[in-house]
C-alpha atoms as a PDB file:
ATOM      1  CA  UNK A   1      19.598  -2.987  -7.191  1.00  0.00           C
ATOM      2  CA  UNK A   2      19.983  -1.331  -3.777  1.00  0.00           C
ATOM      3  CA  UNK A   3      22.166  -2.955  -1.114  1.00  0.00           C
ATOM      4  CA  UNK A   4      21.945  -2.115   2.597  1.00  0.00           C
ATOM      5  CA  UNK A   5      25.391  -1.570   4.110  1.00  0.00           C
ATOM      6  CA  UNK A   6      24.481  -0.982   7.756  1.00  0.00           C
ATOM      7  CA  UNK A   7      23.821  -3.820  10.216  1.00  0.00           C
ATOM      8  CA  UNK A   8      20.471  -3.417  11.987  1.00  0.00           C
ATOM      9  CA  UNK A   9      22.218  -4.139  15.318  1.00  0.00           C
ATOM     10  CA  UNK A  10      24.571  -1.204  14.805  1.00  0.00           C
ATOM     11  CA  UNK A  11      23.638   2.326  15.824  1.00  0.00           C
ATOM     12  CA  UNK A  12      22.083   4.459  13.100  1.00  0.00           C
ATOM     13  CA  UNK A  13      24.497   6.338  10.862  1.00  0.00           C
ATOM     14  CA  UNK A  14      24.102  10.119  11.012  1.00  0.00           C
ATOM     15  CA  UNK A  15      24.609  12.740   8.305  1.00  0.00           C
ATOM     16  CA  UNK A  16      28.031  13.832   9.541  1.00  0.00           C
ATOM     17  CA  UNK A  17      29.391  10.269   9.536  1.00  0.00           C
ATOM     18  CA  UNK A  18      27.813   9.602   6.154  1.00  0.00           C
ATOM     19  CA  UNK A  19      29.528  12.662   4.640  1.00  0.00           C
ATOM     20  CA  UNK A  20      32.896  11.486   5.953  1.00  0.00           C
ATOM     21  CA  UNK A  21      32.755   8.091   4.225  1.00  0.00           C
ATOM     22  CA  UNK A  22      36.054   7.197   2.592  1.00  0.00           C
ATOM     23  CA  UNK A  23      35.415   5.706  -0.860  1.00  0.00           C
ATOM     24  CA  UNK A  24      37.863   4.278  -3.366  1.00  0.00           C
ATOM     25  CA  UNK A  25      38.549   6.441  -6.404  1.00  0.00           C
ATOM     26  CA  UNK A  26      37.227   3.692  -8.697  1.00  0.00           C
ATOM     27  CA  UNK A  27      33.993   3.212  -6.698  1.00  0.00           C
ATOM     28  CA  UNK A  28      31.151   3.951  -9.147  1.00  0.00           C
ATOM     29  CA  UNK A  29      28.276   3.205  -6.779  1.00  0.00           C
ATOM     30  CA  UNK A  30      25.822   5.805  -5.483  1.00  0.00           C
ATOM     31  CA  UNK A  31      25.358   5.939  -1.703  1.00  0.00           C
ATOM     32  CA  UNK A  32      22.260   7.193   0.115  1.00  0.00           C
ATOM     33  CA  UNK A  33      21.113   7.360   3.741  1.00  0.00           C
ATOM     34  CA  UNK A  34      17.624   6.185   4.725  1.00  0.00           C
ATOM     35  CA  UNK A  35      16.615   6.244   8.399  1.00  0.00           C
ATOM     36  CA  UNK A  36      20.252   5.839   9.414  1.00  0.00           C
ATOM     37  CA  UNK A  37      21.022   2.953   7.044  1.00  0.00           C
ATOM     38  CA  UNK A  38      23.466   3.405   4.170  1.00  0.00           C
ATOM     39  CA  UNK A  39      22.272   1.958   0.878  1.00  0.00           C
ATOM     40  CA  UNK A  40      24.272   1.710  -2.322  1.00  0.00           C
ATOM     41  CA  UNK A  41      23.090   1.277  -5.876  1.00  0.00           C
ATOM     42  CA  UNK A  42      24.622   1.019  -9.308  1.00  0.00           C
ATOM     43  CA  UNK A  43      24.990   3.951 -11.668  1.00  0.00           C
ATOM     44  CA  UNK A  44      21.820   4.591 -13.717  1.00  0.00           C
ATOM     45  CA  UNK A  45      21.353   3.145 -17.205  1.00  0.00           C
ATOM     46  CA  UNK A  46      21.875   5.158 -20.370  1.00  0.00           C
ATOM     47  CA  UNK A  47      18.079   5.330 -20.894  1.00  0.00           C
ATOM     48  CA  UNK A  48      17.778   6.853 -17.409  1.00  0.00           C
ATOM     49  CA  UNK A  49      20.536   9.346 -18.189  1.00  0.00           C
ATOM     50  CA  UNK A  50      19.010  10.370 -21.533  1.00  0.00           C
ATOM     51  CA  UNK A  51      15.660  11.073 -19.883  1.00  0.00           C
ATOM     52  CA  UNK A  52      17.358  12.972 -17.051  1.00  0.00           C
ATOM     53  CA  UNK A  53      19.303  15.111 -19.537  1.00  0.00           C
ATOM     54  CA  UNK A  54      16.161  15.944 -21.547  1.00  0.00           C
ATOM     55  CA  UNK A  55      14.142  16.810 -18.442  1.00  0.00           C
ATOM     56  CA  UNK A  56      16.958  18.931 -17.062  1.00  0.00           C
ATOM     57  CA  UNK A  57      17.292  20.804 -20.359  1.00  0.00           C
ATOM     58  CA  UNK A  58      13.571  21.611 -20.611  1.00  0.00           C
ATOM     59  CA  UNK A  59      13.150  22.550 -16.958  1.00  0.00           C
ATOM     60  CA  UNK A  60      16.385  24.521 -16.685  1.00  0.00           C
ATOM     61  CA  UNK A  61      15.558  26.598 -19.781  1.00  0.00           C
ATOM     62  CA  UNK A  62      12.171  27.508 -18.297  1.00  0.00           C
ATOM     63  CA  UNK A  63      13.581  28.241 -14.832  1.00  0.00           C
ATOM     64  CA  UNK A  64      16.320  30.434 -16.302  1.00  0.00           C
ATOM     65  CA  UNK A  65      13.919  32.300 -18.596  1.00  0.00           C
ATOM     66  CA  UNK A  66      11.497  33.027 -15.743  1.00  0.00           C
ATOM     67  CA  UNK A  67      14.295  33.532 -13.173  1.00  0.00           C
ATOM     68  CA  UNK A  68      12.569  31.161 -10.726  1.00  0.00           C
ATOM     69  CA  UNK A  69      15.587  29.686  -8.933  1.00  0.00           C
ATOM     70  CA  UNK A  70      17.976  26.797  -9.611  1.00  0.00           C
ATOM     71  CA  UNK A  71      17.661  23.153 -10.607  1.00  0.00           C
ATOM     72  CA  UNK A  72      20.275  20.551  -9.700  1.00  0.00           C
ATOM     73  CA  UNK A  73      20.866  17.056 -11.081  1.00  0.00           C
ATOM     74  CA  UNK A  74      22.445  13.921  -9.629  1.00  0.00           C
ATOM     75  CA  UNK A  75      24.914  13.475  -8.184  1.00  0.00           C
ATOM     76  CA  UNK A  76      23.818  16.010  -5.549  1.00  0.00           C
ATOM     77  CA  UNK A  77      23.254  15.330  -1.848  1.00  0.00           C
ATOM     78  CA  UNK A  78      19.850  16.224  -0.424  1.00  0.00           C
ATOM     79  CA  UNK A  79      20.075  16.217   3.381  1.00  0.00           C
ATOM     80  CA  UNK A  80      16.590  16.149   4.918  1.00  0.00           C
ATOM     81  CA  UNK A  81      17.570  15.457   8.517  1.00  0.00           C
ATOM     82  CA  UNK A  82      20.215  13.751  10.662  1.00  0.00           C
ATOM     83  CA  UNK A  83      19.431  10.259   9.314  1.00  0.00           C
ATOM     84  CA  UNK A  84      18.066  10.858   5.809  1.00  0.00           C
ATOM     85  CA  UNK A  85      20.015  11.992   2.767  1.00  0.00           C
ATOM     86  CA  UNK A  86      19.628  10.866  -0.816  1.00  0.00           C
ATOM     87  CA  UNK A  87      20.520  11.864  -4.356  1.00  0.00           C
ATOM     88  CA  UNK A  88      17.445  12.982  -6.303  1.00  0.00           C
ATOM     89  CA  UNK A  89      17.657  12.783 -10.073  1.00  0.00           C
ATOM     90  CA  UNK A  90      16.554  16.443 -10.182  1.00  0.00           C
ATOM     91  CA  UNK A  91      15.788  18.958  -7.441  1.00  0.00           C
ATOM     92  CA  UNK A  92      14.431  22.482  -7.901  1.00  0.00           C
ATOM     93  CA  UNK A  93      15.116  25.234  -5.346  1.00  0.00           C
ATOM     94  CA  UNK A  94      13.089  28.427  -5.732  1.00  0.00           C
ATOM     95  CA  UNK A  95      14.624  31.857  -5.129  1.00  0.00           C
ATOM     96  CA  UNK A  96      12.614  32.072  -1.903  1.00  0.00           C
ATOM     97  CA  UNK A  97      14.252  28.894  -0.612  1.00  0.00           C
ATOM     98  CA  UNK A  98      17.811  29.539  -1.801  1.00  0.00           C
ATOM     99  CA  UNK A  99      18.920  29.386   1.854  1.00  0.00           C
ATOM    100  CA  UNK A 100      18.704  25.576   1.474  1.00  0.00           C
ATOM    101  CA  UNK A 101      21.876  25.602  -0.625  1.00  0.00           C
ATOM    102  CA  UNK A 102      24.479  24.887   2.029  1.00  0.00           C
ATOM    103  CA  UNK A 103      27.849  26.501   1.232  1.00  0.00           C
ATOM    104  CA  UNK A 104      27.357  25.634  -2.467  1.00  0.00           C
ATOM    105  CA  UNK A 105      28.005  22.029  -1.409  1.00  0.00           C
ATOM    106  CA  UNK A 106      24.655  20.283  -0.873  1.00  0.00           C
ATOM    107  CA  UNK A 107      20.931  20.891  -0.289  1.00  0.00           C
ATOM    108  CA  UNK A 108      19.917  21.070   3.376  1.00  0.00           C
ATOM    109  CA  UNK A 109      16.153  20.749   3.746  1.00  0.00           C
ATOM    110  CA  UNK A 110      13.150  20.157   1.507  1.00  0.00           C
ATOM    111  CA  UNK A 111      13.431  21.538  -2.034  1.00  0.00           C
ATOM    112  CA  UNK A 112      10.340  22.799  -3.852  1.00  0.00           C
ATOM    113  CA  UNK A 113      10.322  19.948  -6.378  1.00  0.00           C
ATOM    114  CA  UNK A 114      11.994  16.535  -6.681  1.00  0.00           C
ATOM    115  CA  UNK A 115      12.093  14.334  -9.788  1.00  0.00           C
ATOM    116  CA  UNK A 116      12.865  10.621  -9.598  1.00  0.00           C
ATOM    117  CA  UNK A 117      13.351   8.459 -12.697  1.00  0.00           C
ATOM    118  CA  UNK A 118      12.436   4.857 -11.986  1.00  0.00           C
ATOM    119  CA  UNK A 119      14.988   2.158 -12.815  1.00  0.00           C
ATOM    120  CA  UNK A 120      14.268  -1.592 -12.578  1.00  0.00           C
ATOM    121  CA  UNK A 121      16.273  -1.812  -9.340  1.00  0.00           C
ATOM    122  CA  UNK A 122      14.840   1.337  -7.711  1.00  0.00           C
ATOM    123  CA  UNK A 123      11.064   0.887  -8.049  1.00  0.00           C
ATOM    124  CA  UNK A 124      10.400   0.457  -4.306  1.00  0.00           C
ATOM    125  CA  UNK A 125      12.884   3.153  -3.357  1.00  0.00           C
ATOM    126  CA  UNK A 126      11.410   5.731  -5.751  1.00  0.00           C
ATOM    127  CA  UNK A 127       7.722   4.842  -5.370  1.00  0.00           C
ATOM    128  CA  UNK A 128       7.738   4.265  -1.611  1.00  0.00           C
ATOM    129  CA  UNK A 129      10.844   5.243   0.360  1.00  0.00           C
ATOM    130  CA  UNK A 130      11.800   8.500  -1.375  1.00  0.00           C
ATOM    131  CA  UNK A 131       8.190   9.491  -2.029  1.00  0.00           C
ATOM    132  CA  UNK A 132       7.296   8.950   1.650  1.00  0.00           C
ATOM    133  CA  UNK A 133      10.346  10.952   2.748  1.00  0.00           C
ATOM    134  CA  UNK A 134       9.482  13.842   0.417  1.00  0.00           C
ATOM    135  CA  UNK A 135       5.918  13.776   1.706  1.00  0.00           C
ATOM    136  CA  UNK A 136       7.080  13.695   5.346  1.00  0.00           C
ATOM    137  CA  UNK A 137       9.356  16.703   4.779  1.00  0.00           C
ATOM    138  CA  UNK A 138       6.735  18.564   2.686  1.00  0.00           C
ATOM    139  CA  UNK A 139       8.473  18.725  -0.693  1.00  0.00           C
ATOM    140  CA  UNK A 140       5.765  20.621  -2.579  1.00  0.00           C
ATOM    141  CA  UNK A 141       5.873  18.539  -5.755  1.00  0.00           C
ATOM    142  CA  UNK A 142       7.194  15.024  -6.460  1.00  0.00           C
ATOM    143  CA  UNK A 143       7.581  13.660  -9.990  1.00  0.00           C
ATOM    144  CA  UNK A 144       7.853   9.947 -10.790  1.00  0.00           C
ATOM    145  CA  UNK A 145       9.128   9.308 -14.302  1.00  0.00           C
ATOM    146  CA  UNK A 146       8.563   5.782 -15.601  1.00  0.00           C
ATOM    147  CA  UNK A 147      10.695   4.976 -18.691  1.00  0.00           C
ATOM    148  CA  UNK A 148       9.234   1.471 -19.066  1.00  0.00           C
ATOM    149  CA  UNK A 149       5.634   2.717 -19.423  1.00  0.00           C
ATOM    150  CA  UNK A 150       6.681   6.104 -20.848  1.00  0.00           C
ATOM    151  CA  UNK A 151       4.711   7.946 -18.202  1.00  0.00           C
ATOM    152  CA  UNK A 152       5.055  10.750 -15.652  1.00  0.00           C
ATOM    153  CA  UNK A 153       3.124  11.091 -12.385  1.00  0.00           C
ATOM    154  CA  UNK A 154       3.090  14.349 -10.427  1.00  0.00           C
ATOM    155  CA  UNK A 155       2.153  14.414  -6.747  1.00  0.00           C
ATOM    156  CA  UNK A 156       1.476  17.641  -4.854  1.00  0.00           C
ATOM    157  CA  UNK A 157       1.029  18.427  -1.161  1.00  0.00           C
ATOM    158  CA  UNK A 158      -2.541  18.895   0.066  1.00  0.00           C
ATOM    159  CA  UNK A 159      -3.328  18.896   3.782  1.00  0.00           C
ATOM    160  CA  UNK A 160       0.104  17.460   4.650  1.00  0.00           C
ATOM    161  CA  UNK A 161      -0.044  14.514   2.253  1.00  0.00           C
ATOM    162  CA  UNK A 162       0.540  13.790  -1.421  1.00  0.00           C
ATOM    163  CA  UNK A 163      -2.314  13.615  -3.887  1.00  0.00           C
ATOM    164  CA  UNK A 164      -1.979  12.779  -7.573  1.00  0.00           C
ATOM    165  CA  UNK A 165      -2.059  16.027  -9.554  1.00  0.00           C
ATOM    166  CA  UNK A 166      -1.352  14.718 -13.046  1.00  0.00           C
ATOM    167  CA  UNK A 167      -0.625  11.442 -14.832  1.00  0.00           C
ATOM    168  CA  UNK A 168       0.217  11.176 -18.527  1.00  0.00           C
ATOM    169  CA  UNK A 169       1.702   8.494 -20.754  1.00  0.00           C
ATOM    170  CA  UNK A 170       3.367   8.240 -24.166  1.00  0.00           C
ATOM    171  CA  UNK A 171       2.489  11.565 -25.856  1.00  0.00           C
ATOM    172  CA  UNK A 172       0.439  13.468 -23.290  1.00  0.00           C
ATOM    173  CA  UNK A 173       1.247  16.893 -21.861  1.00  0.00           C
ATOM    174  CA  UNK A 174       2.020  17.353 -18.173  1.00  0.00           C
ATOM    175  CA  UNK A 175       2.018  20.542 -16.095  1.00  0.00           C
ATOM    176  CA  UNK A 176       3.625  21.650 -12.841  1.00  0.00           C
ATOM    177  CA  UNK A 177       2.056  23.608  -9.981  1.00  0.00           C
ATOM    178  CA  UNK A 178       5.449  24.662  -8.583  1.00  0.00           C
ATOM    179  CA  UNK A 179       6.856  25.839 -11.926  1.00  0.00           C
ATOM    180  CA  UNK A 180       3.797  27.908 -12.791  1.00  0.00           C
ATOM    181  CA  UNK A 181       3.081  27.820 -16.506  1.00  0.00           C
ATOM    182  CA  UNK A 182       5.541  25.018 -17.238  1.00  0.00           C
ATOM    183  CA  UNK A 183       4.154  22.314 -19.530  1.00  0.00           C
ATOM    184  CA  UNK A 184       6.001  19.321 -20.889  1.00  0.00           C
ATOM    185  CA  UNK A 185       5.184  17.151 -23.900  1.00  0.00           C
ATOM    186  CA  UNK A 186       6.043  13.568 -22.944  1.00  0.00           C
ATOM    187  CA  UNK A 187       6.916  12.800 -26.547  1.00  0.00           C
ATOM    188  CA  UNK A 188       9.944  15.104 -26.242  1.00  0.00           C
ATOM    189  CA  UNK A 189      11.183  13.067 -23.273  1.00  0.00           C
ATOM    190  CA  UNK A 190      10.398   9.512 -24.406  1.00  0.00           C
ATOM    191  CA  UNK A 191      11.012   9.957 -28.140  1.00  0.00           C
ATOM    192  CA  UNK A 192       7.385   9.502 -29.159  1.00  0.00           C
ATOM    193  CA  UNK A 193       6.762  12.876 -30.817  1.00  0.00           C
ATOM    194  CA  UNK A 194       3.764  13.218 -33.059  1.00  0.00           C
ATOM    195  CA  UNK A 195       4.230  14.998 -36.405  1.00  0.00           C
ATOM    196  CA  UNK A 196       2.721  18.155 -34.867  1.00  0.00           C
ATOM    197  CA  UNK A 197       5.288  18.131 -32.017  1.00  0.00           C
ATOM    198  CA  UNK A 198       8.352  17.713 -34.265  1.00  0.00           C
END
């Protein structure tokens, strides 16, 4: 569950102030900045982490083989502007946009592709807030991974807004427009492989 830490009467928090937050060593929460408000959430579940690891493995192998760029996984700061910075589950930066990697410290600007894995406490944040932000800043492709329904939705930019490119559930196969030629069997991610896929 996300908790807002900033008072609406207080001036918006900017990126520089957000980066200078002093946190206790035993603080296991994740902090993000949305329109100048700091929000914190709990660490993701083990199901979330398993799916993230599998997706990262498949995508990273393809990106490395084709020498397309780099993919990063949470925790990584994605700074979109002065008042918006969050931690995507996965973010792909193409070779052409490698200038977004700021001093090997964080991502400054819109990556080519963002993946968000929905948790029970982050449905609104992933489906609305982060998706709207990625659309506003023209992230070319936005993936929503739904562990509960064992599905993946892919949105792509067309005429400055997101349209649904692909939607598969359980054992379907999904494809990316940003990672040209990349296809993913959902069974490999959600543990629902058919005999042919094993």
